[in-house]
Structure formats: structure tokens, C-alpha cells
C-alpha atoms as a PDB file:
ATOM      1  CA  UNK A   1      78.494 -46.157  10.680  1.00  0.00           C
ATOM      2  CA  UNK A   2      79.576 -46.944   7.263  1.00  0.00           C
ATOM      3  CA  UNK A   3      83.242 -46.493   6.888  1.00  0.00           C
ATOM      4  CA  UNK A   4      82.386 -44.077   3.679  1.00  0.00           C
ATOM      5  CA  UNK A   5      80.338 -43.778   0.908  1.00  0.00           C
ATOM      6  CA  UNK A   6      82.923 -45.413  -1.369  1.00  0.00           C
ATOM      7  CA  UNK A   7      82.522 -48.359   0.702  1.00  0.00           C
ATOM      8  CA  UNK A   8      78.964 -48.311   0.746  1.00  0.00           C
ATOM      9  CA  UNK A   9      78.638 -47.877  -3.323  1.00  0.00           C
ATOM     10  CA  UNK A  10      80.772 -50.697  -3.523  1.00  0.00           C
ATOM     11  CA  UNK A  11      78.385 -53.170  -2.138  1.00  0.00           C
ATOM     12  CA  UNK A  12      75.791 -52.120  -4.946  1.00  0.00           C
ATOM     13  CA  UNK A  13      76.018 -54.457  -7.790  1.00  0.00           C
ATOM     14  CA  UNK A  14      75.347 -53.885 -11.594  1.00  0.00           C
ATOM     15  CA  UNK A  15      72.390 -55.923 -11.260  1.00  0.00           C
ATOM     16  CA  UNK A  16      71.054 -53.152  -9.453  1.00  0.00           C
ATOM     17  CA  UNK A  17      71.498 -50.870 -12.395  1.00  0.00           C
ATOM     18  CA  UNK A  18      69.144 -48.610 -14.225  1.00  0.00           C
ATOM     19  CA  UNK A  19      69.587 -47.886 -17.731  1.00  0.00           C
ATOM     20  CA  UNK A  20      67.482 -45.123 -19.191  1.00  0.00           C
ATOM     21  CA  UNK A  21      65.213 -45.628 -22.525  1.00  0.00           C
ATOM     22  CA  UNK A  22      64.007 -42.603 -22.997  1.00  0.00           C
ATOM     23  CA  UNK A  23      63.961 -40.446 -26.031  1.00  0.00           C
ATOM     24  CA  UNK A  24      63.286 -37.029 -24.115  1.00  0.00           C
ATOM     25  CA  UNK A  25      65.016 -34.990 -21.292  1.00  0.00           C
ATOM     26  CA  UNK A  26      62.302 -36.313 -18.768  1.00  0.00           C
ATOM     27  CA  UNK A  27      65.434 -37.573 -16.683  1.00  0.00           C
ATOM     28  CA  UNK A  28      64.390 -37.770 -13.025  1.00  0.00           C
ATOM     29  CA  UNK A  29      66.202 -35.976 -10.071  1.00  0.00           C
ATOM     30  CA  UNK A  30      65.653 -39.117  -7.894  1.00  0.00           C
ATOM     31  CA  UNK A  31      64.164 -42.410  -8.110  1.00  0.00           C
ATOM     32  CA  UNK A  32      62.815 -45.045  -5.434  1.00  0.00           C
ATOM     33  CA  UNK A  33      66.036 -46.606  -4.890  1.00  0.00           C
ATOM     34  CA  UNK A  34      68.022 -43.560  -4.290  1.00  0.00           C
ATOM     35  CA  UNK A  35      65.345 -42.330  -1.767  1.00  0.00           C
ATOM     36  CA  UNK A  36      65.759 -45.937  -0.288  1.00  0.00           C
ATOM     37  CA  UNK A  37      69.569 -45.563  -0.259  1.00  0.00           C
ATOM     38  CA  UNK A  38      69.240 -42.067   1.125  1.00  0.00           C
ATOM     39  CA  UNK A  39      66.830 -43.407   4.087  1.00  0.00           C
ATOM     40  CA  UNK A  40      69.601 -46.142   4.838  1.00  0.00           C
ATOM     41  CA  UNK A  41      72.619 -44.154   4.953  1.00  0.00           C
ATOM     42  CA  UNK A  42      70.552 -41.842   7.427  1.00  0.00           C
ATOM     43  CA  UNK A  43      70.027 -44.125   9.674  1.00  0.00           C
ATOM     44  CA  UNK A  44      73.838 -45.166   9.297  1.00  0.00           C
ATOM     45  CA  UNK A  45      74.840 -41.521  10.396  1.00  0.00           C
ATOM     46  CA  UNK A  46      75.387 -39.379   7.241  1.00  0.00           C
ATOM     47  CA  UNK A  47      73.512 -36.108   7.667  1.00  0.00           C
ATOM     48  CA  UNK A  48      73.637 -34.370   4.740  1.00  0.00           C
ATOM     49  CA  UNK A  49      72.463 -37.001   1.910  1.00  0.00           C
ATOM     50  CA  UNK A  50      69.083 -36.823   0.143  1.00  0.00           C
ATOM     51  CA  UNK A  51      67.621 -38.644  -2.609  1.00  0.00           C
ATOM     52  CA  UNK A  52      68.918 -36.034  -5.419  1.00  0.00           C
ATOM     53  CA  UNK A  53      72.692 -36.240  -4.064  1.00  0.00           C
ATOM     54  CA  UNK A  54      72.402 -40.098  -3.711  1.00  0.00           C
ATOM     55  CA  UNK A  55      71.078 -40.414  -7.716  1.00  0.00           C
ATOM     56  CA  UNK A  56      74.154 -38.188  -8.742  1.00  0.00           C
ATOM     57  CA  UNK A  57      76.272 -40.252  -7.232  1.00  0.00           C
ATOM     58  CA  UNK A  58      74.520 -43.217  -8.687  1.00  0.00           C
ATOM     59  CA  UNK A  59      75.048 -41.501 -11.684  1.00  0.00           C
ATOM     60  CA  UNK A  60      78.787 -41.085 -11.315  1.00  0.00           C
ATOM     61  CA  UNK A  61      79.438 -44.486 -10.404  1.00  0.00           C
ATOM     62  CA  UNK A  62      77.800 -46.086 -13.443  1.00  0.00           C
ATOM     63  CA  UNK A  63      74.817 -47.479 -11.338  1.00  0.00           C
ATOM     64  CA  UNK A  64      72.570 -45.166 -13.707  1.00  0.00           C
ATOM     65  CA  UNK A  65      72.855 -44.003 -17.586  1.00  0.00           C
ATOM     66  CA  UNK A  66      70.447 -41.512 -17.704  1.00  0.00           C
ATOM     67  CA  UNK A  67      71.804 -40.423 -20.952  1.00  0.00           C
ATOM     68  CA  UNK A  68      69.036 -40.036 -23.816  1.00  0.00           C
ATOM     69  CA  UNK A  69      69.207 -43.119 -26.290  1.00  0.00           C
ATOM     70  CA  UNK A  70      69.775 -40.602 -28.871  1.00  0.00           C
ATOM     71  CA  UNK A  71      72.599 -38.779 -26.932  1.00  0.00           C
ATOM     72  CA  UNK A  72      76.182 -39.843 -28.238  1.00  0.00           C
ATOM     73  CA  UNK A  73      77.407 -40.620 -24.602  1.00  0.00           C
ATOM     74  CA  UNK A  74      74.519 -43.361 -24.295  1.00  0.00           C
ATOM     75  CA  UNK A  75      76.200 -45.990 -26.678  1.00  0.00           C
ATOM     76  CA  UNK A  76      79.786 -44.881 -25.420  1.00  0.00           C
ATOM     77  CA  UNK A  77      78.974 -45.867 -21.570  1.00  0.00           C
ATOM     78  CA  UNK A  78      76.764 -49.182 -22.438  1.00  0.00           C
ATOM     79  CA  UNK A  79      79.924 -50.073 -24.575  1.00  0.00           C
ATOM     80  CA  UNK A  80      81.941 -49.548 -21.861  1.00  0.00           C
ATOM     81  CA  UNK A  81      80.036 -52.125 -19.573  1.00  0.00           C
END
């Protein structure tokens, strides 16, 4: 079992990050990467961690920037990287 979700998340790299280029709010609730990570973590003993929760976690730690390109936060986040 993974020691913690933080330990697992630290293994994800910026090269795996996703940047939204959408101009409309068609932001998904999950992605294939979130589904893959969720399945892997379930195999490692996590019991309540679906792809939507994993996707929200990826957004929170900066793997995903799903602010639309017309949102003021989009540029702030991109400039931070």
C-alpha cells in the first residue's frame, strides 16, 4: 500500500500536467489519466478514491489547470509555473 496520497502525488511530474485550452466551460469531471491513477491506487489499498476525486486532487496539486482560457486565474496559474 502507498504510504500516503501525498507520497503518490509527488511521483507525478509536471510533464504529465494538463493545461486546458477550452474557452467554454466544457471541463470534464474526470480524464483517462485520473481513471488510470484511481485504478492503480485501488489496487494499492485505497478504498474510496474514484476518478472524479482523483481529478479534483490533480487540480488541487497543480497537475491540471482547468480554468478556461478567458478566466483571470488561467494566466495567474500559468505564470506561476
